[in-house]
Amino acid sequence: IVTGGWLPEHRAGRCVNEYRRVADSW
């Protein structure tokens, strides 16, 4: 997803915390 250029690295670096936050919220 990152190495293939689908998702910019500057966004990818935040995605682990972002997923955990939204999953925990729901």
mmCIF file of all heavy atoms, coordinates in Angstrom:
data_MODEL
# 
_entry.id   MODEL 
# 
loop_
_atom_site.group_PDB 
_atom_site.id 
_atom_site.type_symbol 
_atom_site.label_atom_id 
_atom_site.label_alt_id 
_atom_site.label_comp_id 
_atom_site.label_asym_id 
_atom_site.label_entity_id 
_atom_site.label_seq_id 
_atom_site.pdbx_PDB_ins_code 
_atom_site.Cartn_x 
_atom_site.Cartn_y 
_atom_site.Cartn_z 
_atom_site.occupancy 
_atom_site.B_iso_or_equiv 
_atom_site.pdbx_formal_charge 
_atom_site.auth_seq_id 
_atom_site.auth_comp_id 
_atom_site.auth_asym_id 
_atom_site.auth_atom_id 
_atom_site.pdbx_PDB_model_num 
ATOM 1   N N   . ILE A 1 1  ? 0.841   -1.198 0.000  1.00 0.00 ? 1  ILE A N   1 
ATOM 2   C CA  . ILE A 1 1  ? 0.000   0.000  0.000  1.00 0.00 ? 1  ILE A CA  1 
ATOM 3   C C   . ILE A 1 1  ? 0.876   1.248  0.000  1.00 0.00 ? 1  ILE A C   1 
ATOM 4   O O   . ILE A 1 1  ? 0.563   2.243  -0.667 1.00 0.00 ? 1  ILE A O   1 
ATOM 5   C CB  . ILE A 1 1  ? -0.945  0.002  1.225  1.00 0.00 ? 1  ILE A CB  1 
ATOM 6   C CG1 . ILE A 1 1  ? -2.004  -1.093 1.055  1.00 0.00 ? 1  ILE A CG1 1 
ATOM 7   C CG2 . ILE A 1 1  ? -1.606  1.360  1.426  1.00 0.00 ? 1  ILE A CG2 1 
ATOM 8   C CD1 . ILE A 1 1  ? -2.941  -1.219 2.243  1.00 0.00 ? 1  ILE A CD1 1 
ATOM 9   N N   . VAL A 1 2  ? 2.017   1.173  0.727  1.00 0.00 ? 2  VAL A N   1 
ATOM 10  C CA  . VAL A 1 2  ? 2.947   2.305  0.776  1.00 0.00 ? 2  VAL A CA  1 
ATOM 11  C C   . VAL A 1 2  ? 4.050   2.149  -0.256 1.00 0.00 ? 2  VAL A C   1 
ATOM 12  O O   . VAL A 1 2  ? 4.331   3.073  -1.016 1.00 0.00 ? 2  VAL A O   1 
ATOM 13  C CB  . VAL A 1 2  ? 3.551   2.448  2.186  1.00 0.00 ? 2  VAL A CB  1 
ATOM 14  C CG1 . VAL A 1 2  ? 4.588   3.577  2.209  1.00 0.00 ? 2  VAL A CG1 1 
ATOM 15  C CG2 . VAL A 1 2  ? 2.445   2.724  3.196  1.00 0.00 ? 2  VAL A CG2 1 
ATOM 16  N N   . THR A 1 3  ? 4.672   0.965  -0.310 1.00 0.00 ? 3  THR A N   1 
ATOM 17  C CA  . THR A 1 3  ? 5.792   0.780  -1.244 1.00 0.00 ? 3  THR A CA  1 
ATOM 18  C C   . THR A 1 3  ? 5.336   0.899  -2.691 1.00 0.00 ? 3  THR A C   1 
ATOM 19  O O   . THR A 1 3  ? 6.121   1.284  -3.557 1.00 0.00 ? 3  THR A O   1 
ATOM 20  C CB  . THR A 1 3  ? 6.455   -0.590 -1.023 1.00 0.00 ? 3  THR A CB  1 
ATOM 21  O OG1 . THR A 1 3  ? 5.491   -1.638 -1.246 1.00 0.00 ? 3  THR A OG1 1 
ATOM 22  C CG2 . THR A 1 3  ? 7.001   -0.696 0.393  1.00 0.00 ? 3  THR A CG2 1 
ATOM 23  N N   . GLY A 1 4  ? 4.084   0.571  -2.948 1.00 0.00 ? 4  GLY A N   1 
ATOM 24  C CA  . GLY A 1 4  ? 3.556   0.693  -4.301 1.00 0.00 ? 4  GLY A CA  1 
ATOM 25  C C   . GLY A 1 4  ? 3.041   2.071  -4.638 1.00 0.00 ? 4  GLY A C   1 
ATOM 26  O O   . GLY A 1 4  ? 2.553   2.309  -5.755 1.00 0.00 ? 4  GLY A O   1 
ATOM 27  N N   . GLY A 1 5  ? 3.121   2.992  -3.688 1.00 0.00 ? 5  GLY A N   1 
ATOM 28  C CA  . GLY A 1 5  ? 2.726   4.367  -3.962 1.00 0.00 ? 5  GLY A CA  1 
ATOM 29  C C   . GLY A 1 5  ? 1.240   4.637  -3.873 1.00 0.00 ? 5  GLY A C   1 
ATOM 30  O O   . GLY A 1 5  ? 0.776   5.697  -4.306 1.00 0.00 ? 5  GLY A O   1 
ATOM 31  N N   . TRP A 1 6  ? 0.470   3.717  -3.317 1.00 0.00 ? 6  TRP A N   1 
ATOM 32  C CA  . TRP A 1 6  ? -0.975  3.949  -3.193 1.00 0.00 ? 6  TRP A CA  1 
ATOM 33  C C   . TRP A 1 6  ? -1.291  4.971  -2.109 1.00 0.00 ? 6  TRP A C   1 
ATOM 34  O O   . TRP A 1 6  ? -2.238  5.744  -2.234 1.00 0.00 ? 6  TRP A O   1 
ATOM 35  C CB  . TRP A 1 6  ? -1.689  2.642  -2.850 1.00 0.00 ? 6  TRP A CB  1 
ATOM 36  C CG  . TRP A 1 6  ? -1.554  1.560  -3.867 1.00 0.00 ? 6  TRP A CG  1 
ATOM 37  C CD1 . TRP A 1 6  ? -0.852  1.594  -5.035 1.00 0.00 ? 6  TRP A CD1 1 
ATOM 38  C CD2 . TRP A 1 6  ? -2.143  0.258  -3.802 1.00 0.00 ? 6  TRP A CD2 1 
ATOM 39  N NE1 . TRP A 1 6  ? -0.944  0.399  -5.702 1.00 0.00 ? 6  TRP A NE1 1 
ATOM 40  C CE2 . TRP A 1 6  ? -1.734  -0.442 -4.960 1.00 0.00 ? 6  TRP A CE2 1 
ATOM 41  C CE3 . TRP A 1 6  ? -2.946  -0.382 -2.872 1.00 0.00 ? 6  TRP A CE3 1 
ATOM 42  C CZ2 . TRP A 1 6  ? -2.124  -1.754 -5.212 1.00 0.00 ? 6  TRP A CZ2 1 
ATOM 43  C CZ3 . TRP A 1 6  ? -3.336  -1.685 -3.121 1.00 0.00 ? 6  TRP A CZ3 1 
ATOM 44  C CH2 . TRP A 1 6  ? -2.937  -2.363 -4.278 1.00 0.00 ? 6  TRP A CH2 1 
ATOM 45  N N   . LEU A 1 7  ? -0.488  4.958  -1.037 1.00 0.00 ? 7  LEU A N   1 
ATOM 46  C CA  . LEU A 1 7  ? -0.724  5.838  0.099  1.00 0.00 ? 7  LEU A CA  1 
ATOM 47  C C   . LEU A 1 7  ? 0.564   6.596  0.395  1.00 0.00 ? 7  LEU A C   1 
ATOM 48  O O   . LEU A 1 7  ? 1.615   5.982  0.571  1.00 0.00 ? 7  LEU A O   1 
ATOM 49  C CB  . LEU A 1 7  ? -1.140  5.020  1.330  1.00 0.00 ? 7  LEU A CB  1 
ATOM 50  C CG  . LEU A 1 7  ? -1.511  5.792  2.597  1.00 0.00 ? 7  LEU A CG  1 
ATOM 51  C CD1 . LEU A 1 7  ? -2.812  6.557  2.398  1.00 0.00 ? 7  LEU A CD1 1 
ATOM 52  C CD2 . LEU A 1 7  ? -1.640  4.826  3.793  1.00 0.00 ? 7  LEU A CD2 1 
ATOM 53  N N   . PRO A 1 8  ? 0.533   7.933  0.457  1.00 0.00 ? 8  PRO A N   1 
ATOM 54  C CA  . PRO A 1 8  ? 1.749   8.708  0.721  1.00 0.00 ? 8  PRO A CA  1 
ATOM 55  C C   . PRO A 1 8  ? 2.334   8.371  2.088  1.00 0.00 ? 8  PRO A C   1 
ATOM 56  O O   . PRO A 1 8  ? 1.606   8.126  3.051  1.00 0.00 ? 8  PRO A O   1 
ATOM 57  C CB  . PRO A 1 8  ? 1.249   10.161 0.692  1.00 0.00 ? 8  PRO A CB  1 
ATOM 58  C CG  . PRO A 1 8  ? -0.028  10.131 -0.079 1.00 0.00 ? 8  PRO A CG  1 
ATOM 59  C CD  . PRO A 1 8  ? -0.635  8.794  0.201  1.00 0.00 ? 8  PRO A CD  1 
ATOM 60  N N   . GLU A 1 9  ? 3.660   8.363  2.178  1.00 0.00 ? 9  GLU A N   1 
ATOM 61  C CA  . GLU A 1 9  ? 4.330   7.977  3.410  1.00 0.00 ? 9  GLU A CA  1 
ATOM 62  C C   . GLU A 1 9  ? 3.975   8.900  4.570  1.00 0.00 ? 9  GLU A C   1 
ATOM 63  O O   . GLU A 1 9  ? 3.886   8.455  5.717  1.00 0.00 ? 9  GLU A O   1 
ATOM 64  C CB  . GLU A 1 9  ? 5.843   7.953  3.189  1.00 0.00 ? 9  GLU A CB  1 
ATOM 65  C CG  . GLU A 1 9  ? 6.317   6.807  2.292  1.00 0.00 ? 9  GLU A CG  1 
ATOM 66  C CD  . GLU A 1 9  ? 7.827   6.688  2.244  1.00 0.00 ? 9  GLU A CD  1 
ATOM 67  O OE1 . GLU A 1 9  ? 8.498   7.372  3.058  1.00 0.00 ? 9  GLU A OE1 1 
ATOM 68  O OE2 . GLU A 1 9  ? 8.337   5.920  1.413  1.00 0.00 ? 9  GLU A OE2 1 
ATOM 69  N N   . HIS A 1 10 ? 3.782   10.192 4.295  1.00 0.00 ? 10 HIS A N   1 
ATOM 70  C CA  . HIS A 1 10 ? 3.500   11.110 5.398  1.00 0.00 ? 10 HIS A CA  1 
ATOM 71  C C   . HIS A 1 10 ? 2.152   10.811 6.045  1.00 0.00 ? 10 HIS A C   1 
ATOM 72  O O   . HIS A 1 10 ? 1.957   11.056 7.233  1.00 0.00 ? 10 HIS A O   1 
ATOM 73  C CB  . HIS A 1 10 ? 3.541   12.570 4.918  1.00 0.00 ? 10 HIS A CB  1 
ATOM 74  C CG  . HIS A 1 10 ? 2.372   12.990 4.091  1.00 0.00 ? 10 HIS A CG  1 
ATOM 75  N ND1 . HIS A 1 10 ? 2.322   12.828 2.715  1.00 0.00 ? 10 HIS A ND1 1 
ATOM 76  C CD2 . HIS A 1 10 ? 1.183   13.563 4.440  1.00 0.00 ? 10 HIS A CD2 1 
ATOM 77  C CE1 . HIS A 1 10 ? 1.183   13.291 2.247  1.00 0.00 ? 10 HIS A CE1 1 
ATOM 78  N NE2 . HIS A 1 10 ? 0.466   13.736 3.267  1.00 0.00 ? 10 HIS A NE2 1 
ATOM 79  N N   . ARG A 1 11 ? 1.220   10.234 5.279  1.00 0.00 ? 11 ARG A N   1 
ATOM 80  C CA  . ARG A 1 11 ? -0.064  9.826  5.868  1.00 0.00 ? 11 ARG A CA  1 
ATOM 81  C C   . ARG A 1 11 ? 0.087   8.450  6.514  1.00 0.00 ? 11 ARG A C   1 
ATOM 82  O O   . ARG A 1 11 ? -0.472  8.190  7.586  1.00 0.00 ? 11 ARG A O   1 
ATOM 83  C CB  . ARG A 1 11 ? -1.152  9.789  4.785  1.00 0.00 ? 11 ARG A CB  1 
ATOM 84  C CG  . ARG A 1 11 ? -2.518  9.251  5.267  1.00 0.00 ? 11 ARG A CG  1 
ATOM 85  C CD  . ARG A 1 11 ? -3.219  10.205 6.201  1.00 0.00 ? 11 ARG A CD  1 
ATOM 86  N NE  . ARG A 1 11 ? -4.476  9.661  6.713  1.00 0.00 ? 11 ARG A NE  1 
ATOM 87  C CZ  . ARG A 1 11 ? -5.641  9.720  6.081  1.00 0.00 ? 11 ARG A CZ  1 
ATOM 88  N NH1 . ARG A 1 11 ? -5.743  10.316 4.896  1.00 0.00 ? 11 ARG A NH1 1 
ATOM 89  N NH2 . ARG A 1 11 ? -6.718  9.228  6.651  1.00 0.00 ? 11 ARG A NH2 1 
ATOM 90  N N   . ALA A 1 12 ? 0.812   7.563  5.879  1.00 0.00 ? 12 ALA A N   1 
ATOM 91  C CA  . ALA A 1 12 ? 0.949   6.193  6.377  1.00 0.00 ? 12 ALA A CA  1 
ATOM 92  C C   . ALA A 1 12 ? 1.528   6.161  7.784  1.00 0.00 ? 12 ALA A C   1 
ATOM 93  O O   . ALA A 1 12 ? 1.157   5.304  8.600  1.00 0.00 ? 12 ALA A O   1 
ATOM 94  C CB  . ALA A 1 12 ? 1.825   5.376  5.430  1.00 0.00 ? 12 ALA A CB  1 
ATOM 95  N N   . GLY A 1 13 ? 2.417   7.101  8.092  1.00 0.00 ? 13 GLY A N   1 
ATOM 96  C CA  . GLY A 1 13 ? 3.038   7.115  9.407  1.00 0.00 ? 13 GLY A CA  1 
ATOM 97  C C   . GLY A 1 13 ? 2.058   7.356  10.540 1.00 0.00 ? 13 GLY A C   1 
ATOM 98  O O   . GLY A 1 13 ? 2.352   7.049  11.702 1.00 0.00 ? 13 GLY A O   1 
ATOM 99  N N   . ARG A 1 14 ? 0.890   7.879  10.224 1.00 0.00 ? 14 ARG A N   1 
ATOM 100 C CA  . ARG A 1 14 ? -0.123  8.149  11.244 1.00 0.00 ? 14 ARG A CA  1 
ATOM 101 C C   . ARG A 1 14 ? -1.224  7.094  11.284 1.00 0.00 ? 14 ARG A C   1 
ATOM 102 O O   . ARG A 1 14 ? -2.110  7.149  12.135 1.00 0.00 ? 14 ARG A O   1 
ATOM 103 C CB  . ARG A 1 14 ? -0.773  9.509  10.974 1.00 0.00 ? 14 ARG A CB  1 
ATOM 104 C CG  . ARG A 1 14 ? 0.192   10.687 10.933 1.00 0.00 ? 14 ARG A CG  1 
ATOM 105 C CD  . ARG A 1 14 ? -0.577  11.999 10.764 1.00 0.00 ? 14 ARG A CD  1 
ATOM 106 N NE  . ARG A 1 14 ? 0.310   13.147 10.754 1.00 0.00 ? 14 ARG A NE  1 
ATOM 107 C CZ  . ARG A 1 14 ? 0.786   13.718 9.656  1.00 0.00 ? 14 ARG A CZ  1 
ATOM 108 N NH1 . ARG A 1 14 ? 0.470   13.218 8.470  1.00 0.00 ? 14 ARG A NH1 1 
ATOM 109 N NH2 . ARG A 1 14 ? 1.592   14.759 9.722  1.00 0.00 ? 14 ARG A NH2 1 
ATOM 110 N N   . CYS A 1 15 ? -1.175  6.145  10.379 1.00 0.00 ? 15 CYS A N   1 
ATOM 111 C CA  . CYS A 1 15 ? -2.335  5.274  10.166 1.00 0.00 ? 15 CYS A CA  1 
ATOM 112 C C   . CYS A 1 15 ? -2.538  4.235  11.262 1.00 0.00 ? 15 CYS A C   1 
ATOM 113 O O   . CYS A 1 15 ? -3.675  3.843  11.522 1.00 0.00 ? 15 CYS A O   1 
ATOM 114 C CB  . CYS A 1 15 ? -2.234  4.587  8.803  1.00 0.00 ? 15 CYS A CB  1 
ATOM 115 S SG  . CYS A 1 15 ? -2.464  5.731  7.415  1.00 0.00 ? 15 CYS A SG  1 
ATOM 116 N N   . VAL A 1 16 ? -1.478  3.762  11.899 1.00 0.00 ? 16 VAL A N   1 
ATOM 117 C CA  . VAL A 1 16 ? -1.649  2.787  12.981 1.00 0.00 ? 16 VAL A CA  1 
ATOM 118 C C   . VAL A 1 16 ? -2.461  3.411  14.105 1.00 0.00 ? 16 VAL A C   1 
ATOM 119 O O   . VAL A 1 16 ? -3.454  2.837  14.574 1.00 0.00 ? 16 VAL A O   1 
ATOM 120 C CB  . VAL A 1 16 ? -0.284  2.284  13.497 1.00 0.00 ? 16 VAL A CB  1 
ATOM 121 C CG1 . VAL A 1 16 ? -0.473  1.459  14.769 1.00 0.00 ? 16 VAL A CG1 1 
ATOM 122 C CG2 . VAL A 1 16 ? 0.407   1.449  12.428 1.00 0.00 ? 16 VAL A CG2 1 
ATOM 123 N N   . ASN A 1 17 ? -2.053  4.603  14.562 1.00 0.00 ? 17 ASN A N   1 
ATOM 124 C CA  . ASN A 1 17 ? -2.800  5.272  15.624 1.00 0.00 ? 17 ASN A CA  1 
ATOM 125 C C   . ASN A 1 17 ? -4.189  5.682  15.160 1.00 0.00 ? 17 ASN A C   1 
ATOM 126 O O   . ASN A 1 17 ? -5.157  5.630  15.936 1.00 0.00 ? 17 ASN A O   1 
ATOM 127 C CB  . ASN A 1 17 ? -2.035  6.500  16.108 1.00 0.00 ? 17 ASN A CB  1 
ATOM 128 C CG  . ASN A 1 17 ? -0.813  6.136  16.924 1.00 0.00 ? 17 ASN A CG  1 
ATOM 129 O OD1 . ASN A 1 17 ? -0.739  5.051  17.509 1.00 0.00 ? 17 ASN A OD1 1 
ATOM 130 N ND2 . ASN A 1 17 ? 0.174   7.023  16.971 1.00 0.00 ? 17 ASN A ND2 1 
ATOM 131 N N   . GLU A 1 18 ? -4.308  6.070  13.895 1.00 0.00 ? 18 GLU A N   1 
ATOM 132 C CA  . GLU A 1 18 ? -5.611  6.476  13.374 1.00 0.00 ? 18 GLU A CA  1 
ATOM 133 C C   . GLU A 1 18 ? -6.586  5.306  13.367 1.00 0.00 ? 18 GLU A C   1 
ATOM 134 O O   . GLU A 1 18 ? -7.739  5.438  13.789 1.00 0.00 ? 18 GLU A O   1 
ATOM 135 C CB  . GLU A 1 18 ? -5.457  7.048  11.962 1.00 0.00 ? 18 GLU A CB  1 
ATOM 136 C CG  . GLU A 1 18 ? -6.741  7.628  11.393 1.00 0.00 ? 18 GLU A CG  1 
ATOM 137 C CD  . GLU A 1 18 ? -6.518  8.366  10.077 1.00 0.00 ? 18 GLU A CD  1 
ATOM 138 O OE1 . GLU A 1 18 ? -5.390  8.866  9.850  1.00 0.00 ? 18 GLU A OE1 1 
ATOM 139 O OE2 . GLU A 1 18 ? -7.478  8.443  9.281  1.00 0.00 ? 18 GLU A OE2 1 
ATOM 140 N N   . TYR A 1 19 ? -6.134  4.144  12.894 1.00 0.00 ? 19 TYR A N   1 
ATOM 141 C CA  . TYR A 1 19 ? -7.010  2.973  12.886 1.00 0.00 ? 19 TYR A CA  1 
ATOM 142 C C   . TYR A 1 19 ? -7.399  2.572  14.301 1.00 0.00 ? 19 TYR A C   1 
ATOM 143 O O   . TYR A 1 19 ? -8.574  2.288  14.573 1.00 0.00 ? 19 TYR A O   1 
ATOM 144 C CB  . TYR A 1 19 ? -6.346  1.790  12.185 1.00 0.00 ? 19 TYR A CB  1 
ATOM 145 C CG  . TYR A 1 19 ? -7.208  0.540  12.273 1.00 0.00 ? 19 TYR A CG  1 
ATOM 146 C CD1 . TYR A 1 19 ? -8.284  0.364  11.425 1.00 0.00 ? 19 TYR A CD1 1 
ATOM 147 C CD2 . TYR A 1 19 ? -6.955  -0.427 13.250 1.00 0.00 ? 19 TYR A CD2 1 
ATOM 148 C CE1 . TYR A 1 19 ? -9.100  -0.758 11.520 1.00 0.00 ? 19 TYR A CE1 1 
ATOM 149 C CE2 . TYR A 1 19 ? -7.763  -1.546 13.356 1.00 0.00 ? 19 TYR A CE2 1 
ATOM 150 C CZ  . TYR A 1 19 ? -8.831  -1.706 12.489 1.00 0.00 ? 19 TYR A CZ  1 
ATOM 151 O OH  . TYR A 1 19 ? -9.642  -2.800 12.604 1.00 0.00 ? 19 TYR A OH  1 
ATOM 152 N N   . ARG A 1 20 ? -6.424  2.531  15.204 1.00 0.00 ? 20 ARG A N   1 
ATOM 153 C CA  . ARG A 1 20 ? -6.727  2.140  16.580 1.00 0.00 ? 20 ARG A CA  1 
ATOM 154 C C   . ARG A 1 20 ? -7.740  3.089  17.209 1.00 0.00 ? 20 ARG A C   1 
ATOM 155 O O   . ARG A 1 20 ? -8.635  2.673  17.949 1.00 0.00 ? 20 ARG A O   1 
ATOM 156 C CB  . ARG A 1 20 ? -5.442  2.112  17.401 1.00 0.00 ? 20 ARG A CB  1 
ATOM 157 C CG  . ARG A 1 20 ? -4.518  0.953  17.045 1.00 0.00 ? 20 ARG A CG  1 
ATOM 158 C CD  . ARG A 1 20 ? -3.209  1.049  17.803 1.00 0.00 ? 20 ARG A CD  1 
ATOM 159 N NE  . ARG A 1 20 ? -2.328  -0.075 17.454 1.00 0.00 ? 20 ARG A NE  1 
ATOM 160 C CZ  . ARG A 1 20 ? -1.064  -0.166 17.841 1.00 0.00 ? 20 ARG A CZ  1 
ATOM 161 N NH1 . ARG A 1 20 ? -0.527  0.816  18.578 1.00 0.00 ? 20 ARG A NH1 1 
ATOM 162 N NH2 . ARG A 1 20 ? -0.328  -1.205 17.490 1.00 0.00 ? 20 ARG A NH2 1 
ATOM 163 N N   . ARG A 1 21 ? -7.598  4.374  16.905 1.00 0.00 ? 21 ARG A N   1 
ATOM 164 C CA  . ARG A 1 21 ? -8.499  5.366  17.482 1.00 0.00 ? 21 ARG A CA  1 
ATOM 165 C C   . ARG A 1 21 ? -9.930  5.188  16.976 1.00 0.00 ? 21 ARG A C   1 
ATOM 166 O O   . ARG A 1 21 ? -10.877 5.168  17.757 1.00 0.00 ? 21 ARG A O   1 
ATOM 167 C CB  . ARG A 1 21 ? -7.990  6.770  17.181 1.00 0.00 ? 21 ARG A CB  1 
ATOM 168 C CG  . ARG A 1 21 ? -8.802  7.879  17.832 1.00 0.00 ? 21 ARG A CG  1 
ATOM 169 C CD  . ARG A 1 21 ? -8.070  9.212  17.758 1.00 0.00 ? 21 ARG A CD  1 
ATOM 170 N NE  . ARG A 1 21 ? -7.730  9.584  16.389 1.00 0.00 ? 21 ARG A NE  1 
ATOM 171 C CZ  . ARG A 1 21 ? -6.502  9.590  15.900 1.00 0.00 ? 21 ARG A CZ  1 
ATOM 172 N NH1 . ARG A 1 21 ? -5.494  9.232  16.660 1.00 0.00 ? 21 ARG A NH1 1 
ATOM 173 N NH2 . ARG A 1 21 ? -6.280  9.947  14.653 1.00 0.00 ? 21 ARG A NH2 1 
ATOM 174 N N   . VAL A 1 22 ? -10.083 5.034  15.660 1.00 0.00 ? 22 VAL A N   1 
ATOM 175 C CA  . VAL A 1 22 ? -11.444 4.922  15.130 1.00 0.00 ? 22 VAL A CA  1 
ATOM 176 C C   . VAL A 1 22 ? -12.068 3.576  15.499 1.00 0.00 ? 22 VAL A C   1 
ATOM 177 O O   . VAL A 1 22 ? -13.272 3.494  15.794 1.00 0.00 ? 22 VAL A O   1 
ATOM 178 C CB  . VAL A 1 22 ? -11.477 5.147  13.596 1.00 0.00 ? 22 VAL A CB  1 
ATOM 179 C CG1 . VAL A 1 22 ? -10.996 6.547  13.249 1.00 0.00 ? 22 VAL A CG1 1 
ATOM 180 C CG2 . VAL A 1 22 ? -10.670 4.102  12.843 1.00 0.00 ? 22 VAL A CG2 1 
ATOM 181 N N   . ALA A 1 23 ? -11.260 2.495  15.493 1.00 0.00 ? 23 ALA A N   1 
ATOM 182 C CA  . ALA A 1 23 ? -11.799 1.187  15.870 1.00 0.00 ? 23 ALA A CA  1 
ATOM 183 C C   . ALA A 1 23 ? -12.224 1.180  17.327 1.00 0.00 ? 23 ALA A C   1 
ATOM 184 O O   . ALA A 1 23 ? -13.293 0.660  17.681 1.00 0.00 ? 23 ALA A O   1 
ATOM 185 C CB  . ALA A 1 23 ? -10.760 0.092  15.608 1.00 0.00 ? 23 ALA A CB  1 
ATOM 186 N N   . ASP A 1 24 ? -11.405 1.773  18.196 1.00 0.00 ? 24 ASP A N   1 
ATOM 187 C CA  . ASP A 1 24 ? -11.740 1.829  19.615 1.00 0.00 ? 24 ASP A CA  1 
ATOM 188 C C   . ASP A 1 24 ? -12.970 2.704  19.850 1.00 0.00 ? 24 ASP A C   1 
ATOM 189 O O   . ASP A 1 24 ? -13.820 2.391  20.685 1.00 0.00 ? 24 ASP A O   1 
ATOM 190 C CB  . ASP A 1 24 ? -10.551 2.361  20.412 1.00 0.00 ? 24 ASP A CB  1 
ATOM 191 C CG  . ASP A 1 24 ? -10.824 2.410  21.911 1.00 0.00 ? 24 ASP A CG  1 
ATOM 192 O OD1 . ASP A 1 24 ? -11.046 1.335  22.502 1.00 0.00 ? 24 ASP A OD1 1 
ATOM 193 O OD2 . ASP A 1 24 ? -10.825 3.520  22.485 1.00 0.00 ? 24 ASP A OD2 1 
ATOM 194 N N   . SER A 1 25 ? -13.073 3.793  19.105 1.00 0.00 ? 25 SER A N   1 
ATOM 195 C CA  . SER A 1 25 ? -14.227 4.687  19.265 1.00 0.00 ? 25 SER A CA  1 
ATOM 196 C C   . SER A 1 25 ? -15.517 3.974  18.922 1.00 0.00 ? 25 SER A C   1 
ATOM 197 O O   . SER A 1 25 ? -16.507 4.060  19.672 1.00 0.00 ? 25 SER A O   1 
ATOM 198 C CB  . SER A 1 25 ? -14.048 5.926  18.380 1.00 0.00 ? 25 SER A CB  1 
ATOM 199 O OG  . SER A 1 25 ? -12.940 6.694  18.795 1.00 0.00 ? 25 SER A OG  1 
ATOM 200 N N   . TRP A 1 26 ? -15.537 3.246  17.804 1.00 0.00 ? 26 TRP A N   1 
ATOM 201 C CA  . TRP A 1 26 ? -16.754 2.530  17.426 1.00 0.00 ? 26 TRP A CA  1 
ATOM 202 C C   . TRP A 1 26 ? -17.033 1.376  18.385 1.00 0.00 ? 26 TRP A C   1 
ATOM 203 O O   . TRP A 1 26 ? -18.197 1.070  18.681 1.00 0.00 ? 26 TRP A O   1 
ATOM 204 C CB  . TRP A 1 26 ? -16.656 2.034  15.986 1.00 0.00 ? 26 TRP A CB  1 
ATOM 205 C CG  . TRP A 1 26 ? -17.149 3.075  15.025 1.00 0.00 ? 26 TRP A CG  1 
ATOM 206 C CD1 . TRP A 1 26 ? -16.405 3.856  14.194 1.00 0.00 ? 26 TRP A CD1 1 
ATOM 207 C CD2 . TRP A 1 26 ? -18.512 3.447  14.823 1.00 0.00 ? 26 TRP A CD2 1 
ATOM 208 N NE1 . TRP A 1 26 ? -17.221 4.702  13.486 1.00 0.00 ? 26 TRP A NE1 1 
ATOM 209 C CE2 . TRP A 1 26 ? -18.520 4.472  13.839 1.00 0.00 ? 26 TRP A CE2 1 
ATOM 210 C CE3 . TRP A 1 26 ? -19.721 3.022  15.357 1.00 0.00 ? 26 TRP A CE3 1 
ATOM 211 C CZ2 . TRP A 1 26 ? -19.698 5.067  13.395 1.00 0.00 ? 26 TRP A CZ2 1 
ATOM 212 C CZ3 . TRP A 1 26 ? -20.900 3.611  14.918 1.00 0.00 ? 26 TRP A CZ3 1 
ATOM 213 C CH2 . TRP A 1 26 ? -20.885 4.625  13.957 1.00 0.00 ? 26 TRP A CH2 1 
# 
